[in-house]
Amino acid sequence: MDTVSQMRGLHPNGEMAIIGYLIGATIAIAVLPLVPFILLYLLIDRLTGVGSDRGR
């Protein structure tokens, strides 16, 4: 008696792809307001050089 079902092969699941795209779009929209702060942080970090190994 087999307790594991047979493999039917890999095939795309359209419903799960749509759900994944919706989740990704929601996360992107939620993070969008943080982009200016991230860019400001990167600019300040680049100008000050704090935490970099450029001097070595």
N, C-alpha and C. Protein backbone atom coordinates (compact mmCIF):
# COMPACT_ATOMS: atom_id res chain seq x y z
N MET A 1 0.84 -1.18 0.00
CA MET A 1 0.00 0.00 0.00
C MET A 1 0.89 1.25 0.00
N ASP A 2 0.72 2.12 -0.99
CA ASP A 2 1.48 3.36 -1.07
C ASP A 2 0.76 4.45 -0.27
N THR A 3 1.52 5.16 0.56
CA THR A 3 0.92 6.23 1.35
C THR A 3 1.18 7.61 0.73
N VAL A 4 2.03 7.65 -0.27
CA VAL A 4 2.35 8.92 -0.93
C VAL A 4 1.76 8.89 -2.34
N SER A 5 1.06 9.96 -2.71
CA SER A 5 0.47 9.98 -4.04
C SER A 5 1.56 10.15 -5.10
N GLN A 6 1.24 9.71 -6.30
CA GLN A 6 2.21 9.80 -7.39
C GLN A 6 2.38 11.23 -7.85
N MET A 7 3.59 11.52 -8.34
CA MET A 7 3.91 12.85 -8.86
C MET A 7 3.21 13.04 -10.21
N ARG A 8 2.54 14.17 -10.38
CA ARG A 8 1.85 14.45 -11.63
C ARG A 8 2.66 15.36 -12.52
N GLY A 9 3.81 15.80 -12.09
CA GLY A 9 4.62 16.72 -12.89
C GLY A 9 4.41 18.16 -12.44
N LEU A 10 5.33 19.00 -12.82
CA LEU A 10 5.23 20.40 -12.44
C LEU A 10 4.44 21.18 -13.48
N HIS A 11 3.55 22.00 -13.02
CA HIS A 11 2.78 22.85 -13.92
C HIS A 11 2.48 24.15 -13.19
N PRO A 12 2.38 25.25 -13.91
CA PRO A 12 2.12 26.54 -13.28
C PRO A 12 0.71 26.59 -12.68
N ASN A 13 0.61 27.28 -11.56
CA ASN A 13 -0.67 27.45 -10.90
C ASN A 13 -1.05 28.93 -11.04
N GLY A 14 -1.94 29.24 -11.94
CA GLY A 14 -2.30 30.62 -12.25
C GLY A 14 -2.88 31.37 -11.08
N GLU A 15 -3.71 30.71 -10.27
CA GLU A 15 -4.32 31.38 -9.13
C GLU A 15 -3.28 31.81 -8.12
N MET A 16 -2.31 30.95 -7.85
CA MET A 16 -1.26 31.29 -6.89
C MET A 16 -0.36 32.38 -7.44
N ALA A 17 -0.13 32.41 -8.74
CA ALA A 17 0.68 33.47 -9.33
C ALA A 17 0.01 34.82 -9.16
N ILE A 18 -1.29 34.87 -9.37
CA ILE A 18 -2.03 36.13 -9.22
C ILE A 18 -1.97 36.59 -7.77
N ILE A 19 -2.15 35.67 -6.84
CA ILE A 19 -2.08 36.03 -5.42
C ILE A 19 -0.69 36.54 -5.07
N GLY A 20 0.34 35.92 -5.60
CA GLY A 20 1.70 36.37 -5.35
C GLY A 20 1.95 37.76 -5.89
N TYR A 21 1.46 38.04 -7.09
CA TYR A 21 1.61 39.38 -7.66
C TYR A 21 0.85 40.42 -6.84
N LEU A 22 -0.34 40.07 -6.35
CA LEU A 22 -1.11 41.00 -5.52
C LEU A 22 -0.39 41.30 -4.21
N ILE A 23 0.17 40.27 -3.60
CA ILE A 23 0.91 40.48 -2.35
C ILE A 23 2.15 41.34 -2.61
N GLY A 24 2.87 41.05 -3.70
CA GLY A 24 4.05 41.85 -4.05
C GLY A 24 3.70 43.30 -4.32
N ALA A 25 2.62 43.55 -5.02
CA ALA A 25 2.19 44.92 -5.30
C ALA A 25 1.79 45.64 -4.02
N THR A 26 1.13 44.94 -3.12
CA THR A 26 0.74 45.54 -1.84
C THR A 26 1.96 45.92 -1.02
N ILE A 27 2.96 45.05 -0.98
CA ILE A 27 4.19 45.35 -0.25
C ILE A 27 4.91 46.53 -0.89
N ALA A 28 4.97 46.57 -2.22
CA ALA A 28 5.63 47.67 -2.91
C ALA A 28 4.93 49.00 -2.62
N ILE A 29 3.62 49.01 -2.62
CA ILE A 29 2.86 50.23 -2.32
C ILE A 29 3.07 50.64 -0.87
N ALA A 30 3.15 49.67 0.04
CA ALA A 30 3.35 49.98 1.46
C ALA A 30 4.75 50.55 1.71
N VAL A 31 5.76 50.11 0.96
CA VAL A 31 7.13 50.56 1.17
C VAL A 31 7.42 51.86 0.42
N LEU A 32 6.62 52.19 -0.55
CA LEU A 32 6.84 53.38 -1.38
C LEU A 32 7.03 54.66 -0.58
N PRO A 33 6.25 54.92 0.48
CA PRO A 33 6.48 56.15 1.26
C PRO A 33 7.84 56.18 1.97
N LEU A 34 8.48 55.04 2.15
CA LEU A 34 9.78 55.00 2.84
C LEU A 34 10.96 55.28 1.91
N VAL A 35 10.73 55.29 0.61
CA VAL A 35 11.82 55.47 -0.36
C VAL A 35 12.60 56.77 -0.15
N PRO A 36 11.96 57.93 0.08
CA PRO A 36 12.75 59.14 0.30
C PRO A 36 13.68 59.04 1.52
N PHE A 37 13.22 58.40 2.58
CA PHE A 37 14.04 58.25 3.78
C PHE A 37 15.23 57.32 3.52
N ILE A 38 14.98 56.27 2.76
CA ILE A 38 16.07 55.34 2.42
C ILE A 38 17.11 56.04 1.55
N LEU A 39 16.65 56.81 0.57
CA LEU A 39 17.59 57.55 -0.28
C LEU A 39 18.36 58.60 0.50
N LEU A 40 17.70 59.28 1.42
CA LEU A 40 18.37 60.27 2.26
C LEU A 40 19.43 59.59 3.13
N TYR A 41 19.10 58.46 3.70
CA TYR A 41 20.07 57.71 4.50
C TYR A 41 21.28 57.31 3.65
N LEU A 42 21.03 56.79 2.46
CA LEU A 42 22.14 56.38 1.60
C LEU A 42 23.01 57.57 1.19
N LEU A 43 22.38 58.72 0.93
CA LEU A 43 23.14 59.91 0.57
C LEU A 43 24.01 60.38 1.74
N ILE A 44 23.44 60.44 2.92
CA ILE A 44 24.22 60.86 4.10
C ILE A 44 25.33 59.87 4.38
N ASP A 45 25.05 58.59 4.25
CA ASP A 45 26.06 57.57 4.49
C ASP A 45 27.21 57.70 3.49
N ARG A 46 26.88 57.99 2.24
CA ARG A 46 27.91 58.14 1.21
C ARG A 46 28.76 59.39 1.46
N LEU A 47 28.11 60.48 1.87
CA LEU A 47 28.83 61.73 2.10
C LEU A 47 29.72 61.69 3.33
N THR A 48 29.23 61.08 4.39
CA THR A 48 30.00 61.05 5.65
C THR A 48 31.01 59.90 5.64
N GLY A 49 30.70 58.82 4.98
CA GLY A 49 31.61 57.68 4.95
C GLY A 49 31.68 56.93 6.27
N VAL A 50 30.72 57.12 7.15
CA VAL A 50 30.70 56.44 8.43
C VAL A 50 30.48 54.95 8.19
N GLY A 51 31.34 54.15 8.79
CA GLY A 51 31.20 52.70 8.67
C GLY A 51 31.80 52.12 7.41
N SER A 52 32.52 52.91 6.65
CA SER A 52 33.11 52.38 5.43
C SER A 52 34.57 52.03 5.66
N ASP A 53 35.11 51.23 4.77
CA ASP A 53 36.52 50.82 4.84
C ASP A 53 37.35 51.52 3.78
N ARG A 54 36.96 52.73 3.40
CA ARG A 54 37.67 53.43 2.34
C ARG A 54 39.08 53.86 2.76
N GLY A 55 39.29 54.09 4.05
CA GLY A 55 40.56 54.59 4.51
C GLY A 55 41.65 53.53 4.59
N ARG A 56 41.32 52.30 4.41
CA ARG A 56 42.31 51.22 4.57
C ARG A 56 43.01 50.90 3.30
